[in-house]
Amino acid sequence: MARNLRKEISKTPRYYFFDNGVRNSLIQNFNRLALRNDVGQFWENYLMVERRKANEYAGRQANTYFWRTYDQKELDCVEERAGRLFGFEFKWQGQVRPAARQEFIAAYPDAEVATITRENFTDFLTG
């Protein structure tokens, strides 16, 4: 497995909508969250876009990546700021799988990894 962040992420582009209404329109899903089968993707899109805005407003320069290994372990967001890596796993509900976190830390020992949930997302967006 590659231990080069750019190799691990370069083959897996992800696209996000700055307006979730446009996303919902394209997939024709305007249901309440409790009735949706795409809540995880909806949550990830929201957090990624709002984090980009928060970084811009705060003047934080960050390169943002999606990280996935060849054996499908992934982190939803990796920020490269001031020479350091910060990994984030977004969870609307359910268990956090530690394998991806452990592999990322093993590959990048100086990195920090956090799980972003409904309980702590405001810190992620404002901090």
Protein backbone atom coordinates (compact mmCIF):
# COMPACT_ATOMS: atom_id res chain seq x y z
CA MET A 1 0.00 0.00 0.00
CA ALA A 2 1.22 3.48 -0.82
CA ARG A 3 2.33 5.70 2.01
CA ASN A 4 2.10 8.84 -0.03
CA LEU A 5 -0.99 10.92 0.75
CA ARG A 6 -1.26 12.18 -2.81
CA LYS A 7 -1.17 8.64 -4.26
CA GLU A 8 -3.74 7.40 -1.76
CA ILE A 9 -6.19 10.16 -2.58
CA SER A 10 -5.53 11.18 -6.16
CA LYS A 11 -7.58 8.46 -7.84
CA THR A 12 -10.78 9.08 -5.91
CA PRO A 13 -12.23 12.52 -6.60
CA ARG A 14 -15.34 13.53 -4.69
CA TYR A 15 -17.72 16.29 -5.60
CA TYR A 16 -19.86 18.32 -3.21
CA PHE A 17 -22.77 20.67 -3.73
CA PHE A 18 -22.60 24.10 -2.13
CA ASP A 19 -26.38 24.06 -2.19
CA ASN A 20 -27.97 20.85 -0.88
CA GLY A 21 -31.23 21.96 -2.50
CA VAL A 22 -29.63 21.51 -5.92
CA ARG A 23 -28.40 18.09 -4.83
CA ASN A 24 -31.85 17.13 -3.63
CA SER A 25 -33.39 18.34 -6.86
CA LEU A 26 -30.99 16.32 -9.00
CA ILE A 27 -31.72 13.11 -7.09
CA GLN A 28 -35.42 14.02 -6.63
CA ASN A 29 -35.38 13.48 -2.87
CA PHE A 30 -37.00 16.12 -0.67
CA ASN A 31 -37.95 13.77 2.18
CA ARG A 32 -37.31 14.55 5.81
CA LEU A 33 -34.06 13.14 7.17
CA ALA A 34 -35.84 10.35 9.04
CA LEU A 35 -37.20 9.05 5.73
CA ARG A 36 -34.04 9.31 3.63
CA ASN A 37 -31.67 6.52 2.69
CA ASP A 38 -28.82 8.94 1.91
CA VAL A 39 -28.44 10.70 5.25
CA GLY A 40 -24.76 9.79 5.54
CA GLN A 41 -23.93 11.30 2.16
CA PHE A 42 -26.14 14.31 2.85
CA TRP A 43 -24.32 14.84 6.20
CA GLU A 44 -20.90 14.49 4.60
CA ASN A 45 -21.78 16.99 1.87
CA TYR A 46 -23.07 19.50 4.43
CA LEU A 47 -19.99 19.20 6.66
CA MET A 48 -17.49 19.42 3.81
CA VAL A 49 -19.04 22.53 2.33
CA GLU A 50 -19.51 24.28 5.65
CA ARG A 51 -15.94 23.44 6.71
CA ARG A 52 -14.60 24.97 3.51
CA LYS A 53 -16.60 28.12 4.25
CA ALA A 54 -15.41 28.17 7.87
CA ASN A 55 -11.78 27.83 6.79
CA GLU A 56 -12.22 30.65 4.29
CA TYR A 57 -13.88 32.95 6.85
CA ALA A 58 -11.17 32.19 9.43
CA GLY A 59 -8.37 32.74 6.95
CA ARG A 60 -7.12 29.15 7.40
CA GLN A 61 -5.23 27.88 4.40
CA ALA A 62 -6.00 24.17 4.01
CA ASN A 63 -5.68 21.62 1.26
CA THR A 64 -8.61 19.23 1.55
CA TYR A 65 -8.59 15.60 0.49
CA PHE A 66 -10.61 12.42 0.70
CA TRP A 67 -8.44 9.51 1.89
CA ARG A 68 -8.98 5.89 0.90
CA THR A 69 -6.56 3.00 0.87
CA TYR A 70 -6.54 0.31 -1.77
CA ASP A 71 -8.37 -2.01 0.65
CA GLN A 72 -11.16 0.59 1.06
CA LYS A 73 -10.33 2.04 4.47
CA GLU A 74 -11.25 5.71 4.32
CA LEU A 75 -11.53 9.02 6.10
CA ASP A 76 -14.12 11.47 4.83
CA CYS A 77 -11.87 14.50 5.05
CA VAL A 78 -8.15 15.13 5.44
CA GLU A 79 -6.91 18.66 5.82
CA GLU A 80 -3.31 19.59 5.26
CA ARG A 81 -2.64 22.82 7.20
CA ALA A 82 0.61 24.41 8.29
CA GLY A 83 2.54 21.27 7.47
CA ARG A 84 0.28 18.97 9.52
CA LEU A 85 -2.46 16.50 8.67
CA PHE A 86 -5.88 16.43 10.31
CA GLY A 87 -8.22 13.58 9.50
CA PHE A 88 -11.98 13.61 10.05
CA GLU A 89 -14.57 10.85 9.95
CA PHE A 90 -18.18 12.06 9.64
CA LYS A 91 -20.84 9.98 11.38
CA TRP A 92 -24.54 10.76 11.41
CA GLN A 93 -25.17 7.62 13.42
CA GLY A 94 -23.64 4.19 13.99
CA GLN A 95 -20.31 2.93 15.11
CA VAL A 96 -16.98 4.38 14.12
CA ARG A 97 -14.79 1.74 12.53
CA PRO A 98 -11.34 2.07 14.11
CA ALA A 99 -9.45 0.33 11.28
CA ALA A 100 -9.26 3.40 9.03
CA ARG A 101 -8.27 5.66 11.92
CA GLN A 102 -5.55 3.24 13.02
CA GLU A 103 -4.18 2.80 9.52
CA PHE A 104 -4.11 6.55 8.88
CA ILE A 105 -2.26 7.18 12.18
CA ALA A 106 0.16 4.34 11.42
CA ALA A 107 0.89 5.88 8.02
CA TYR A 108 1.03 9.46 9.31
CA PRO A 109 2.06 9.29 12.99
CA ASP A 110 1.99 13.06 13.52
CA ALA A 111 -1.57 13.40 12.22
CA GLU A 112 -4.62 14.01 14.36
CA VAL A 113 -7.89 12.19 13.69
CA ALA A 114 -11.34 13.14 15.01
CA THR A 115 -14.84 11.82 14.54
CA ILE A 116 -17.42 14.48 13.76
CA THR A 117 -20.97 13.72 14.91
CA ARG A 118 -24.22 15.57 15.48
CA GLU A 119 -23.01 16.24 19.02
CA ASN A 120 -19.73 17.99 18.15
CA PHE A 121 -20.09 19.31 14.60
CA THR A 122 -20.41 22.94 15.68
CA ASP A 123 -16.88 22.80 17.12
CA PHE A 124 -15.67 21.38 13.80
CA LEU A 125 -17.31 24.23 11.90
CA THR A 126 -16.31 27.04 14.25
CA GLY A 127 -12.99 25.84 15.68
